[in-house]
Amino acid sequence: MTLEVKCMARNDKSFVHRLIRWRYLVVVNILIILFLGASLGREVVRNRSINTEISALESEAQELTSRNIEISELKTAMQTESFIEREARLKLGMKKPGETVVVIQEKSGAVQQLTGDEADPFGYVIGTDPLPVAVANPSKWWYYFFDKIRFNQLSRYE
């Protein structure tokens, strides 16, 4: 009987030792899984940021390509004879031999003076100077809504 007890004690110790060894193995496996999960998470985040940067750079490249095409078209248009001639005429005032240049200017028109009731039906005229007619805001609003011609005449002076 003593022999059987000793064998059972050995089996118990070995079972306990095996159980402890399994626990260490489980803990080590959990630590390895956590480390691999953290590494995988970092790589996923890095991959997303790289993909975002790649898409931004691709859109920028497309914009630059379209802008480059526009610039080359503008360069081609600017090298044509008609464009150069037009720019020389407009900006440099040049003309072809035998042409006559005529410059048309707007009339500087005489200043029209409004006097008395015609200028200010409500009597809100602020200044007495005849050339620049100073009219108070209520009169301006009256002209704006009911007499557009006079309103436009007054607004030209201001």
C-alpha atoms as a PDB file:
ATOM      1  CA  MET A   1       0.000   0.000   0.000  1.00  0.00           C
ATOM      2  CA  THR A   2       2.778   2.345   0.619  1.00  0.00           C
ATOM      3  CA  LEU A   3       3.933   1.780  -2.859  1.00  0.00           C
ATOM      4  CA  GLU A   4       0.578   2.798  -4.275  1.00  0.00           C
ATOM      5  CA  VAL A   5       0.516   5.973  -2.159  1.00  0.00           C
ATOM      6  CA  LYS A   6       3.957   6.940  -3.366  1.00  0.00           C
ATOM      7  CA  CYS A   7       2.907   6.414  -6.990  1.00  0.00           C
ATOM      8  CA  MET A   8      -0.180   8.529  -6.484  1.00  0.00           C
ATOM      9  CA  ALA A   9       1.895  11.243  -4.855  1.00  0.00           C
ATOM     10  CA  ARG A  10       4.233  11.216  -7.813  1.00  0.00           C
ATOM     11  CA  ASN A  11       1.283  11.385 -10.191  1.00  0.00           C
ATOM     12  CA  ASP A  12      -0.165  14.261  -8.189  1.00  0.00           C
ATOM     13  CA  LYS A  13       3.106  16.178  -8.263  1.00  0.00           C
ATOM     14  CA  SER A  14       3.584  15.524 -11.892  1.00  0.00           C
ATOM     15  CA  PHE A  15      -0.002  16.566 -12.614  1.00  0.00           C
ATOM     16  CA  VAL A  16       0.474  19.754 -10.579  1.00  0.00           C
ATOM     17  CA  HIS A  17       3.754  20.420 -12.324  1.00  0.00           C
ATOM     18  CA  ARG A  18       2.125  19.789 -15.686  1.00  0.00           C
ATOM     19  CA  LEU A  19      -0.719  22.116 -14.781  1.00  0.00           C
ATOM     20  CA  ILE A  20       1.706  24.836 -13.722  1.00  0.00           C
ATOM     21  CA  ARG A  21       3.683  24.368 -16.917  1.00  0.00           C
ATOM     22  CA  TRP A  22       0.476  24.654 -18.933  1.00  0.00           C
ATOM     23  CA  ARG A  23      -0.390  27.865 -17.113  1.00  0.00           C
ATOM     24  CA  TYR A  24       2.983  29.349 -18.004  1.00  0.00           C
ATOM     25  CA  LEU A  25       2.477  28.266 -21.569  1.00  0.00           C
ATOM     26  CA  VAL A  26      -0.966  29.889 -21.667  1.00  0.00           C
ATOM     27  CA  VAL A  27       0.401  33.144 -20.214  1.00  0.00           C
ATOM     28  CA  VAL A  28       3.279  33.152 -22.695  1.00  0.00           C
ATOM     29  CA  ASN A  29       0.853  32.487 -25.556  1.00  0.00           C
ATOM     30  CA  ILE A  30      -1.414  35.335 -24.394  1.00  0.00           C
ATOM     31  CA  LEU A  31       1.561  37.708 -24.250  1.00  0.00           C
ATOM     32  CA  ILE A  32       2.654  36.668 -27.738  1.00  0.00           C
ATOM     33  CA  ILE A  33      -0.891  37.161 -29.077  1.00  0.00           C
ATOM     34  CA  LEU A  34      -1.109  40.631 -27.459  1.00  0.00           C
ATOM     35  CA  PHE A  35       2.240  41.633 -28.964  1.00  0.00           C
ATOM     36  CA  LEU A  36       1.221  40.409 -32.421  1.00  0.00           C
ATOM     37  CA  GLY A  37      -2.169  42.144 -32.119  1.00  0.00           C
ATOM     38  CA  ALA A  38      -0.516  45.462 -31.185  1.00  0.00           C
ATOM     39  CA  SER A  39       1.920  45.126 -34.105  1.00  0.00           C
ATOM     40  CA  LEU A  40      -0.919  44.318 -36.474  1.00  0.00           C
ATOM     41  CA  GLY A  41      -2.929  47.303 -35.206  1.00  0.00           C
ATOM     42  CA  ARG A  42      -0.001  49.669 -35.778  1.00  0.00           C
ATOM     43  CA  GLU A  43       0.467  48.320 -39.301  1.00  0.00           C
ATOM     44  CA  VAL A  44      -3.234  48.736 -40.109  1.00  0.00           C
ATOM     45  CA  VAL A  45      -3.166  52.380 -38.923  1.00  0.00           C
ATOM     46  CA  ARG A  46       0.037  53.036 -40.864  1.00  0.00           C
ATOM     47  CA  ASN A  47      -1.438  51.402 -43.978  1.00  0.00           C
ATOM     48  CA  ARG A  48      -4.545  53.618 -43.788  1.00  0.00           C
ATOM     49  CA  SER A  49      -2.460  56.780 -43.413  1.00  0.00           C
ATOM     50  CA  ILE A  50      -0.280  55.776 -46.360  1.00  0.00           C
ATOM     51  CA  ASN A  51      -3.356  55.055 -48.509  1.00  0.00           C
ATOM     52  CA  THR A  52      -4.834  58.447 -47.564  1.00  0.00           C
ATOM     53  CA  GLU A  53      -1.587  60.178 -48.489  1.00  0.00           C
ATOM     54  CA  ILE A  54      -1.413  58.262 -51.774  1.00  0.00           C
ATOM     55  CA  SER A  55      -4.952  59.301 -52.746  1.00  0.00           C
ATOM     56  CA  ALA A  56      -4.197  62.941 -51.861  1.00  0.00           C
ATOM     57  CA  LEU A  57      -1.033  62.869 -53.961  1.00  0.00           C
ATOM     58  CA  GLU A  58      -2.880  61.241 -56.878  1.00  0.00           C
ATOM     59  CA  SER A  59      -5.552  63.952 -56.836  1.00  0.00           C
ATOM     60  CA  GLU A  60      -2.843  66.619 -56.662  1.00  0.00           C
ATOM     61  CA  ALA A  61      -1.078  64.968 -59.604  1.00  0.00           C
ATOM     62  CA  GLN A  62      -4.316  65.027 -61.623  1.00  0.00           C
ATOM     63  CA  GLU A  63      -4.819  68.719 -60.809  1.00  0.00           C
ATOM     64  CA  LEU A  64      -1.250  69.506 -61.832  1.00  0.00           C
ATOM     65  CA  THR A  65      -1.659  67.538 -65.042  1.00  0.00           C
ATOM     66  CA  SER A  66      -4.819  69.432 -65.980  1.00  0.00           C
ATOM     67  CA  ARG A  67      -3.172  72.742 -65.063  1.00  0.00           C
ATOM     68  CA  ASN A  68      -0.149  71.805 -67.167  1.00  0.00           C
ATOM     69  CA  ILE A  69      -2.441  71.114 -70.127  1.00  0.00           C
ATOM     70  CA  GLU A  70      -4.162  74.482 -69.653  1.00  0.00           C
ATOM     71  CA  ILE A  71      -0.813  76.273 -69.500  1.00  0.00           C
ATOM     72  CA  SER A  72       0.425  74.537 -72.647  1.00  0.00           C
ATOM     73  CA  GLU A  73      -2.805  75.490 -74.459  1.00  0.00           C
ATOM     74  CA  LEU A  74      -2.394  79.090 -73.305  1.00  0.00           C
ATOM     75  CA  LYS A  75       1.237  79.063 -74.444  1.00  0.00           C
ATOM     76  CA  THR A  76       0.183  77.776 -77.854  1.00  0.00           C
ATOM     77  CA  ALA A  77      -2.540  80.430 -78.101  1.00  0.00           C
ATOM     78  CA  MET A  78      -0.120  83.179 -77.076  1.00  0.00           C
ATOM     79  CA  GLN A  79       2.341  82.190 -79.786  1.00  0.00           C
ATOM     80  CA  THR A  80      -0.161  82.700 -82.600  1.00  0.00           C
ATOM     81  CA  GLU A  81       0.220  85.730 -84.802  1.00  0.00           C
ATOM     82  CA  SER A  82      -3.322  86.989 -84.201  1.00  0.00           C
ATOM     83  CA  PHE A  83      -2.878  86.991 -80.425  1.00  0.00           C
ATOM     84  CA  ILE A  84       0.407  88.880 -80.622  1.00  0.00           C
ATOM     85  CA  GLU A  85      -1.122  91.430 -82.992  1.00  0.00           C
ATOM     86  CA  ARG A  86      -4.196  91.903 -80.794  1.00  0.00           C
ATOM     87  CA  GLU A  87      -2.090  92.416 -77.660  1.00  0.00           C
ATOM     88  CA  ALA A  88       0.178  94.886 -79.457  1.00  0.00           C
ATOM     89  CA  ARG A  89      -2.857  96.888 -80.549  1.00  0.00           C
ATOM     90  CA  LEU A  90      -4.611  96.881 -77.180  1.00  0.00           C
ATOM     91  CA  LYS A  91      -1.754  97.198 -74.727  1.00  0.00           C
ATOM     92  CA  LEU A  92       0.945  98.960 -76.695  1.00  0.00           C
ATOM     93  CA  GLY A  93      -1.269 101.148 -78.905  1.00  0.00           C
ATOM     94  CA  MET A  94       0.434  99.952 -82.069  1.00  0.00           C
ATOM     95  CA  LYS A  95      -1.156 100.078 -85.522  1.00  0.00           C
ATOM     96  CA  LYS A  96      -0.509  98.694 -88.970  1.00  0.00           C
ATOM     97  CA  PRO A  97       0.873 100.995 -91.636  1.00  0.00           C
ATOM     98  CA  GLY A  98      -1.940 102.956 -93.274  1.00  0.00           C
ATOM     99  CA  GLU A  99      -4.409 102.473 -90.417  1.00  0.00           C
ATOM    100  CA  THR A 100      -5.956 105.350 -88.535  1.00  0.00           C
ATOM    101  CA  VAL A 101      -6.542 104.958 -84.820  1.00  0.00           C
ATOM    102  CA  VAL A 102      -9.688 106.506 -83.394  1.00  0.00           C
ATOM    103  CA  VAL A 103     -10.155 106.747 -79.641  1.00  0.00           C
ATOM    104  CA  ILE A 104     -13.723 107.147 -78.450  1.00  0.00           C
ATOM    105  CA  GLN A 105     -14.206 108.593 -75.002  1.00  0.00           C
ATOM    106  CA  GLU A 106     -17.386 108.966 -73.031  1.00  0.00           C
ATOM    107  CA  LYS A 107     -18.838 112.436 -72.749  1.00  0.00           C
ATOM    108  CA  SER A 108     -17.704 114.249 -69.688  1.00  0.00           C
ATOM    109  CA  GLY A 109     -21.123 115.949 -69.890  1.00  0.00           C
ATOM    110  CA  ALA A 110     -22.024 119.172 -68.195  1.00  0.00           C
ATOM    111  CA  VAL A 111     -23.009 118.983 -64.566  1.00  0.00           C
ATOM    112  CA  GLN A 112     -26.727 119.366 -64.286  1.00  0.00           C
ATOM    113  CA  GLN A 113     -27.895 121.491 -61.408  1.00  0.00           C
ATOM    114  CA  LEU A 114     -31.141 120.833 -59.676  1.00  0.00           C
ATOM    115  CA  THR A 115     -32.708 123.807 -57.973  1.00  0.00           C
ATOM    116  CA  GLY A 116     -35.631 124.495 -55.691  1.00  0.00           C
ATOM    117  CA  ASP A 117     -38.492 122.018 -55.583  1.00  0.00           C
ATOM    118  CA  GLU A 118     -37.047 120.103 -58.489  1.00  0.00           C
ATOM    119  CA  ALA A 119     -33.908 119.193 -56.504  1.00  0.00           C
ATOM    120  CA  ASP A 120     -35.528 118.323 -53.207  1.00  0.00           C
ATOM    121  CA  PRO A 121     -39.300 118.051 -52.945  1.00  0.00           C
ATOM    122  CA  PHE A 122     -39.213 117.476 -49.178  1.00  0.00           C
ATOM    123  CA  GLY A 123     -36.796 120.289 -48.362  1.00  0.00           C
ATOM    124  CA  TYR A 124     -34.103 117.974 -47.055  1.00  0.00           C
ATOM    125  CA  VAL A 125     -31.196 119.519 -48.971  1.00  0.00           C
ATOM    126  CA  ILE A 126     -28.239 119.684 -46.617  1.00  0.00           C
ATOM    127  CA  GLY A 127     -25.828 121.913 -48.521  1.00  0.00           C
ATOM    128  CA  THR A 128     -26.401 125.071 -50.506  1.00  0.00           C
ATOM    129  CA  ASP A 129     -23.497 124.510 -52.883  1.00  0.00           C
ATOM    130  CA  PRO A 130     -25.094 124.222 -56.373  1.00  0.00           C
ATOM    131  CA  LEU A 131     -22.553 121.896 -58.000  1.00  0.00           C
ATOM    132  CA  PRO A 132     -22.414 118.863 -55.726  1.00  0.00           C
ATOM    133  CA  VAL A 133     -25.980 118.510 -54.571  1.00  0.00           C
ATOM    134  CA  ALA A 134     -26.055 117.069 -51.071  1.00  0.00           C
ATOM    135  CA  VAL A 135     -29.360 115.396 -50.439  1.00  0.00           C
ATOM    136  CA  ALA A 136     -30.435 113.796 -47.199  1.00  0.00           C
ATOM    137  CA  ASN A 137     -31.161 110.073 -47.046  1.00  0.00           C
ATOM    138  CA  PRO A 138     -34.984 110.312 -46.953  1.00  0.00           C
ATOM    139  CA  SER A 139     -34.908 112.203 -50.251  1.00  0.00           C
ATOM    140  CA  LYS A 140     -32.529 109.679 -51.732  1.00  0.00           C
ATOM    141  CA  TRP A 141     -34.900 106.859 -50.787  1.00  0.00           C
ATOM    142  CA  TRP A 142     -37.827 108.765 -52.280  1.00  0.00           C
ATOM    143  CA  TYR A 143     -35.906 109.147 -55.540  1.00  0.00           C
ATOM    144  CA  TYR A 144     -34.803 105.506 -55.425  1.00  0.00           C
ATOM    145  CA  PHE A 145     -38.356 104.198 -55.281  1.00  0.00           C
ATOM    146  CA  PHE A 146     -40.330 106.833 -57.221  1.00  0.00           C
ATOM    147  CA  ASP A 147     -37.963 108.787 -59.504  1.00  0.00           C
ATOM    148  CA  LYS A 148     -35.114 106.592 -60.811  1.00  0.00           C
ATOM    149  CA  ILE A 149     -33.845 109.220 -63.247  1.00  0.00           C
ATOM    150  CA  ARG A 150     -33.188 111.786 -60.533  1.00  0.00           C
ATOM    151  CA  PHE A 151     -31.751 109.099 -58.263  1.00  0.00           C
ATOM    152  CA  ASN A 152     -29.277 108.176 -60.978  1.00  0.00           C
ATOM    153  CA  GLN A 153     -28.398 111.833 -61.496  1.00  0.00           C
ATOM    154  CA  LEU A 154     -27.740 112.280 -57.792  1.00  0.00           C
ATOM    155  CA  SER A 155     -25.709 109.079 -57.525  1.00  0.00           C
ATOM    156  CA  ARG A 156     -23.402 110.248 -60.343  1.00  0.00           C
ATOM    157  CA  TYR A 157     -22.333 113.234 -58.260  1.00  0.00           C
ATOM    158  CA  GLU A 158     -21.440 111.210 -55.165  1.00  0.00           C
END
